Amino acid sequence: MRKIPAALAVLGLTTVGLAGCSLPGSNDCSRPAVSDREVMDLIDVTGSTDAEPEVDVFTPLHASTLAFEDVEQGNGTVITTADQLVVIDVALFSGTTGEPLVSTPYDGDLSRVFPLSQWTQGFPGFEEALTCAAEGSRVAVALAPEDLTPESAASLGLEQNDSAVAVIDVRKVYLAAADGQDQFTAGHGLPAVVRAPDGRPGLIVPDGAPPQDIAVQTLKKGSGPAVTGDEPVRVHYTGVVWGEDDPFDSTWGAEPASLTLDGVVPGFAQALEGQTVGSQVLVVIPPDLGYGDEEQGSIPADSTLVFVIDILGLDAEPQQ
């Protein structure tokens, strides 16, 4: 079977920024173990989930609509939005012959992180198949012709009306937004945070002078691993200058940022270090722990910075 190193170039997928794109069923996240038993009984998937699957298809398989089955059900973070970051392995097979077509490397590398939306550019059916699937799951999918773009089908050597079979191993799922427990916080003149239904935060900065020292509040306490600085951390953040209404920067509506503690201003690093994945943190950074007396783009010199940060996951180092 041919290997696709990043699972993208061969299949002609492109990066597309999707703002707040939700998958169907993301509100209640209900998910059947099998969507169509009659169809999925024609597909037998065996083998360890750590390796490329062994697949036996009762051929020719012609799926009129998408069907899926959870061969293994994971218990990790759940996929709820199309712009969520994931690491998945995929093996594709011809529905007509049952022969393998292409696969990802299945080498255990968790650094190949992409938004799910990047996969669905070439395989629209992956959206429905992975709605509410959890990290650690192995999902078998019968793809109808409309569940692949014509370009992806052609790159796989499929005819116009051919079906395909996909086996998707969900290796890692990043949070869409902080999901920790709400924490009691006293105001003390600090900014307030409001949240949209999808978790996107907004900042309300009070009138008056900012605090002279750094102030850090944990608004949500996550149950994931701690940020130590040993590996990059994935975050969504929004930043405003104290006294201004509009953010000078935000990752919401784009891909979450991958940051190292030595690659951000000292106050931002202090706010992150020791926090846990799933947490939301408010930090007010005085000038001496921010950009000091230097102007930085739209940020004036001697500015006090305010950030609200959602900690979504920790990045793995690429395998050598």
Protein backbone atom coordinates (compact mmCIF):
# COMPACT_ATOMS: atom_id res chain seq x y z
CA MET A 1 0.00 0.00 0.00
CA ARG A 2 1.30 3.44 -0.87
CA LYS A 3 2.14 5.71 2.06
CA ILE A 4 1.12 9.36 2.34
CA PRO A 5 3.65 11.12 4.62
CA ALA A 6 1.46 14.03 5.64
CA ALA A 7 -1.78 12.59 4.28
CA LEU A 8 -2.37 15.72 2.27
CA ALA A 9 -0.17 16.36 -0.73
CA VAL A 10 -0.99 13.22 -2.68
CA LEU A 11 -4.71 13.73 -2.15
CA GLY A 12 -4.65 17.38 -3.15
CA LEU A 13 -5.94 18.83 0.11
CA THR A 14 -5.33 22.46 0.99
CA THR A 15 -5.38 24.43 4.21
CA VAL A 16 -8.58 26.41 4.58
CA GLY A 17 -9.35 28.57 7.60
CA LEU A 18 -12.81 27.80 8.94
CA ALA A 19 -14.16 30.06 11.65
CA GLY A 20 -16.36 28.33 14.20
CA CYS A 21 -17.41 25.53 11.88
CA SER A 22 -19.45 23.01 13.88
CA LEU A 23 -20.12 19.43 13.04
CA PRO A 24 -23.68 18.09 13.00
CA GLY A 25 -24.74 16.82 16.39
CA SER A 26 -22.03 18.73 18.28
CA ASN A 27 -24.49 19.99 20.90
CA ASP A 28 -25.40 16.63 22.42
CA CYS A 29 -22.60 14.59 20.82
CA SER A 30 -24.68 11.44 20.56
CA ARG A 31 -23.10 8.78 18.34
CA PRO A 32 -24.29 5.33 17.27
CA ALA A 33 -21.71 2.55 17.45
CA VAL A 34 -22.93 1.42 14.00
CA SER A 35 -24.81 3.71 11.63
CA ASP A 36 -25.91 0.99 9.15
CA ARG A 37 -25.42 -2.61 10.23
CA GLU A 38 -26.35 -4.09 6.85
CA VAL A 39 -23.60 -2.16 5.06
CA MET A 40 -20.96 -2.46 7.75
CA ASP A 41 -21.39 -6.25 7.96
CA LEU A 42 -19.76 -6.28 4.50
CA ILE A 43 -16.53 -4.87 5.98
CA ASP A 44 -14.34 -6.80 8.42
CA VAL A 45 -11.52 -4.92 10.15
CA THR A 46 -8.93 -6.74 12.26
CA GLY A 47 -5.45 -6.16 13.65
CA SER A 48 -3.90 -3.96 16.31
CA THR A 49 -4.96 -0.31 16.39
CA ASP A 50 -1.26 0.56 16.70
CA ALA A 51 -0.63 -0.72 13.17
CA GLU A 52 -2.13 -0.59 9.71
CA PRO A 53 -5.45 -2.48 9.74
CA GLU A 54 -6.25 -5.70 7.95
CA VAL A 55 -9.47 -5.23 6.00
CA ASP A 56 -11.65 -7.77 4.21
CA VAL A 57 -14.42 -6.32 2.02
CA PHE A 58 -17.30 -8.32 0.57
CA THR A 59 -16.95 -7.04 -2.98
CA PRO A 60 -18.11 -5.29 -4.97
CA LEU A 61 -19.29 -2.86 -2.31
CA HIS A 62 -21.44 -0.01 -3.62
CA ALA A 63 -22.50 2.33 -0.82
CA SER A 64 -25.37 4.65 -1.68
CA THR A 65 -24.85 6.71 1.47
CA LEU A 66 -22.12 6.95 4.05
CA ALA A 67 -22.04 4.31 6.79
CA PHE A 68 -19.63 3.85 9.69
CA GLU A 69 -18.87 1.62 12.64
CA ASP A 70 -16.71 2.11 15.69
CA VAL A 71 -14.45 -0.95 15.58
CA GLU A 72 -12.82 0.32 18.77
CA GLN A 73 -14.30 3.03 20.96
CA GLY A 74 -11.87 5.42 22.60
CA ASN A 75 -12.44 7.30 25.81
CA GLY A 76 -10.38 10.43 25.22
CA THR A 77 -11.25 13.92 24.00
CA VAL A 78 -14.21 14.00 21.60
CA ILE A 79 -14.27 15.61 18.16
CA THR A 80 -17.00 18.27 18.20
CA THR A 81 -15.96 20.85 15.60
CA ALA A 82 -14.52 20.70 12.11
CA ASP A 83 -11.76 23.16 13.02
CA GLN A 84 -10.56 21.01 15.91
CA LEU A 85 -6.96 19.82 15.71
CA VAL A 86 -6.51 16.07 15.34
CA VAL A 87 -3.87 13.44 14.61
CA ILE A 88 -5.33 10.54 12.63
CA ASP A 89 -4.05 7.57 10.69
CA VAL A 90 -6.05 6.58 7.62
CA ALA A 91 -6.03 3.50 5.38
CA LEU A 92 -8.13 3.51 2.21
CA PHE A 93 -9.39 0.51 0.20
CA SER A 94 -11.27 0.04 -3.04
CA GLY A 95 -14.92 -0.84 -2.57
CA THR A 96 -14.90 -2.58 -5.94
CA THR A 97 -11.93 -4.88 -5.41
CA GLY A 98 -11.19 -4.61 -1.70
CA GLU A 99 -7.56 -3.89 -2.54
CA PRO A 100 -5.58 -1.36 -0.47
CA LEU A 101 -5.11 2.04 -2.10
CA VAL A 102 -3.14 4.35 0.19
CA SER A 103 -2.41 4.91 3.86
CA THR A 104 -0.69 7.21 6.31
CA PRO A 105 2.62 5.93 7.73
CA TYR A 106 1.24 4.34 10.93
CA ASP A 107 4.56 5.09 12.63
CA GLY A 108 3.27 6.49 15.92
CA ASP A 109 4.29 10.08 15.12
CA LEU A 110 1.85 12.36 16.99
CA SER A 111 3.33 15.58 15.61
CA ARG A 112 1.33 15.51 12.34
CA VAL A 113 -1.39 17.82 13.60
CA PHE A 114 -4.06 19.16 11.23
CA PRO A 115 -7.54 20.65 11.61
CA LEU A 116 -10.16 18.05 10.76
CA SER A 117 -11.42 20.53 8.15
CA GLN A 118 -8.22 19.99 6.21
CA TRP A 119 -9.07 16.30 5.81
CA THR A 120 -12.69 16.98 4.89
CA GLN A 121 -11.58 19.15 1.96
CA GLY A 122 -10.83 15.93 0.09
CA PHE A 123 -13.07 13.53 2.04
CA PRO A 124 -16.31 15.30 3.00
CA GLY A 125 -17.64 12.02 4.43
CA PHE A 126 -15.03 12.11 7.20
CA GLU A 127 -17.03 14.91 8.83
CA GLU A 128 -20.08 12.74 9.47
CA ALA A 129 -18.01 9.64 10.20
CA LEU A 130 -15.99 11.35 12.94
CA THR A 131 -18.71 13.44 14.56
CA CYS A 132 -18.38 12.79 18.31
CA ALA A 133 -15.68 10.13 17.83
CA ALA A 134 -13.26 10.03 20.76
CA GLU A 135 -9.48 9.90 20.89
CA GLY A 136 -8.43 6.26 20.79
CA SER A 137 -11.22 5.16 18.44
CA ARG A 138 -10.86 3.08 15.28
CA VAL A 139 -13.65 3.87 12.84
CA ALA A 140 -14.48 1.86 9.70
CA VAL A 141 -16.25 3.90 7.03
CA ALA A 142 -18.07 2.97 3.83
CA LEU A 143 -17.68 6.01 1.58
CA ALA A 144 -20.29 6.63 -1.09
CA PRO A 145 -19.07 8.37 -4.28
CA GLU A 146 -20.18 11.79 -3.01
CA ASP A 147 -18.15 11.31 0.20
CA LEU A 148 -14.94 11.91 -1.78
CA THR A 149 -14.20 14.87 -4.00
CA PRO A 150 -13.69 14.01 -7.68
CA GLU A 151 -10.04 15.06 -7.34
CA SER A 152 -9.43 12.71 -4.41
CA ALA A 153 -11.22 9.84 -6.15
CA ALA A 154 -9.15 10.34 -9.29
CA SER A 155 -5.89 10.46 -7.31
CA LEU A 156 -6.82 7.08 -5.81
CA GLY A 157 -7.63 5.57 -9.21
CA LEU A 158 -11.36 5.28 -8.47
CA GLU A 159 -14.01 5.54 -11.15
CA GLN A 160 -16.76 8.15 -10.95
CA ASN A 161 -19.34 5.95 -9.19
CA ASP A 162 -16.95 3.81 -7.14
CA SER A 163 -17.24 3.48 -3.39
CA ALA A 164 -14.28 3.26 -1.03
CA VAL A 165 -13.61 1.95 2.45
CA ALA A 166 -11.65 3.96 5.01
CA VAL A 167 -10.32 2.91 8.37
CA ILE A 168 -9.55 5.90 10.58
CA ASP A 169 -7.53 5.62 13.77
CA VAL A 170 -8.05 8.69 15.97
CA ARG A 171 -4.65 9.09 17.62
CA LYS A 172 -5.00 12.48 19.29
CA VAL A 173 -7.71 15.10 19.65
CA TYR A 174 -7.09 18.62 20.91
CA LEU A 175 -9.79 20.46 22.80
CA ALA A 176 -11.90 22.93 20.86
CA ALA A 177 -11.99 25.25 23.89
CA ALA A 178 -11.14 25.07 27.57
CA ASP A 179 -13.40 22.50 29.22
CA GLY A 180 -12.25 22.63 32.85
CA GLN A 181 -14.28 23.29 35.96
CA ASP A 182 -15.31 26.90 36.54
CA GLN A 183 -13.34 28.48 39.38
CA PHE A 184 -14.48 31.08 41.85
CA THR A 185 -12.56 34.31 41.26
CA ALA A 186 -12.90 37.63 43.02
CA GLY A 187 -12.87 40.65 40.74
CA HIS A 188 -10.31 42.96 42.42
CA GLY A 189 -10.63 45.36 39.49
CA LEU A 190 -9.49 42.81 36.93
CA PRO A 191 -11.08 42.39 33.48
CA ALA A 192 -14.18 40.22 33.13
CA VAL A 193 -14.46 37.37 30.64
CA VAL A 194 -17.66 36.50 28.78
CA ARG A 195 -18.02 33.40 26.60
CA ALA A 196 -19.96 32.59 23.44
CA PRO A 197 -21.76 29.21 23.25
CA ASP A 198 -18.76 27.70 21.44
CA GLY A 199 -16.44 28.80 24.24
CA ARG A 200 -14.96 31.80 22.43
CA PRO A 201 -14.13 34.40 25.10
CA GLY A 202 -14.47 38.15 25.12
CA LEU A 203 -12.80 40.62 27.46
CA ILE A 204 -14.37 43.53 29.32
CA VAL A 205 -11.61 45.77 30.66
CA PRO A 206 -12.66 48.06 33.53
CA ASP A 207 -12.04 51.77 33.64
CA GLY A 208 -9.21 52.98 35.79
CA ALA A 209 -5.53 52.25 36.13
CA PRO A 210 -4.22 48.73 35.57
CA PRO A 211 -2.51 46.77 38.36
CA GLN A 212 1.22 47.41 38.73
CA ASP A 213 2.12 43.74 39.17
CA ILE A 214 1.28 40.70 37.06
CA ALA A 215 -2.14 39.22 37.88
CA VAL A 216 -3.09 35.66 36.92
CA GLN A 217 -6.51 34.10 37.44
CA THR A 218 -7.47 30.53 36.55
CA LEU A 219 -11.05 30.83 35.28
CA LYS A 220 -11.44 27.15 34.36
CA LYS A 221 -9.31 24.39 35.85
CA GLY A 222 -8.57 21.57 33.42
CA SER A 223 -7.79 17.96 34.31
CA GLY A 224 -5.12 17.41 31.64
CA PRO A 225 -1.32 17.35 31.91
CA ALA A 226 0.55 20.39 33.17
CA VAL A 227 2.40 22.91 31.03
CA THR A 228 6.07 22.55 31.94
CA GLY A 229 7.84 24.10 28.97
CA ASP A 230 9.29 20.75 27.93
CA GLU A 231 6.99 20.62 24.90
CA PRO A 232 5.05 23.25 22.92
CA VAL A 233 1.56 24.08 24.12
CA ARG A 234 -1.47 24.63 21.88
CA VAL A 235 -3.62 27.56 22.88
CA HIS A 236 -6.37 29.84 21.74
CA TYR A 237 -5.88 33.36 23.04
CA THR A 238 -7.27 36.86 22.76
CA GLY A 239 -5.18 39.88 23.72
CA VAL A 240 -6.13 43.50 24.34
CA VAL A 241 -4.22 46.54 25.53
CA TRP A 242 -5.54 47.87 28.84
CA GLY A 243 -7.68 50.89 27.98
CA GLU A 244 -8.55 49.67 24.48
CA ASP A 245 -11.74 47.95 23.37
CA ASP A 246 -10.61 45.95 20.37
CA PRO A 247 -8.21 42.97 20.51
CA PHE A 248 -4.80 43.48 18.98
CA ASP A 249 -4.52 39.74 18.36
CA SER A 250 -6.65 36.60 18.57
CA THR A 251 -6.32 33.03 17.35
CA TRP A 252 -10.05 32.39 17.49
CA GLY A 253 -11.34 31.92 13.95
CA ALA A 254 -7.96 30.55 12.90
CA GLU A 255 -5.76 27.61 13.88
CA PRO A 256 -4.70 27.47 17.55
CA ALA A 257 -1.16 28.64 18.19
CA SER A 258 1.68 26.31 19.09
CA LEU A 259 3.86 28.17 21.59
CA THR A 260 6.98 27.58 23.63
CA LEU A 261 7.47 29.30 26.98
CA ASP A 262 10.75 30.83 25.82
CA GLY A 263 9.08 32.17 22.67
CA VAL A 264 6.55 34.50 24.34
CA VAL A 265 6.83 37.55 26.58
CA PRO A 266 7.74 36.69 30.20
CA GLY A 267 4.30 37.48 31.61
CA PHE A 268 2.57 35.19 29.13
CA ALA A 269 5.00 32.39 30.02
CA GLN A 270 4.40 32.91 33.75
CA ALA A 271 0.65 32.64 33.19
CA LEU A 272 1.00 29.33 31.35
CA GLU A 273 3.65 27.51 33.36
CA GLY A 274 2.11 24.96 35.74
CA GLN A 275 -1.40 25.33 34.29
CA THR A 276 -3.17 22.21 33.03
CA VAL A 277 -4.68 21.31 29.67
CA GLY A 278 -8.36 22.26 29.66
CA SER A 279 -7.76 25.40 31.73
CA GLN A 280 -8.71 28.95 30.83
CA VAL A 281 -6.41 31.62 32.25
CA LEU A 282 -6.73 35.40 32.51
CA VAL A 283 -3.48 37.35 32.81
CA VAL A 284 -2.76 41.05 33.14
CA ILE A 285 0.85 41.73 32.13
CA PRO A 286 2.59 44.96 33.17
CA PRO A 287 4.97 46.57 30.66
CA ASP A 288 8.14 45.20 32.28
CA LEU A 289 6.90 41.62 31.68
CA GLY A 290 5.52 42.46 28.23
CA TYR A 291 7.07 44.64 25.55
CA GLY A 292 8.40 47.32 27.90
CA ASP A 293 9.06 50.75 26.44
CA GLU A 294 9.14 49.43 22.86
CA GLU A 295 6.26 49.81 20.44
CA GLN A 296 5.21 46.42 19.03
CA GLY A 297 3.05 46.70 15.89
CA SER A 298 -0.28 48.17 17.02
CA ILE A 299 0.73 47.90 20.69
CA PRO A 300 1.99 51.25 22.05
CA ALA A 301 5.10 51.44 24.21
CA ASP A 302 4.61 50.94 27.97
CA SER A 303 1.34 49.04 27.46
CA THR A 304 -0.28 46.78 29.99
CA LEU A 305 -1.48 43.66 28.16
CA VAL A 306 -4.50 41.51 28.95
CA PHE A 307 -4.87 37.96 27.65
CA VAL A 308 -7.43 35.23 28.08
CA ILE A 309 -5.86 31.89 27.17
CA ASP A 310 -7.50 28.50 26.52
CA ILE A 311 -5.03 25.61 26.93
CA LEU A 312 -6.04 22.98 24.36
CA GLY A 313 -3.23 20.42 24.43
CA LEU A 314 0.49 19.71 24.34
CA ASP A 315 2.36 19.04 21.11
CA ALA A 316 4.53 15.99 20.58
CA GLU A 317 8.01 16.41 19.18
CA PRO A 318 8.42 15.12 15.60
CA GLN A 319 9.94 11.69 15.33
CA GLN A 320 13.49 11.58 13.99
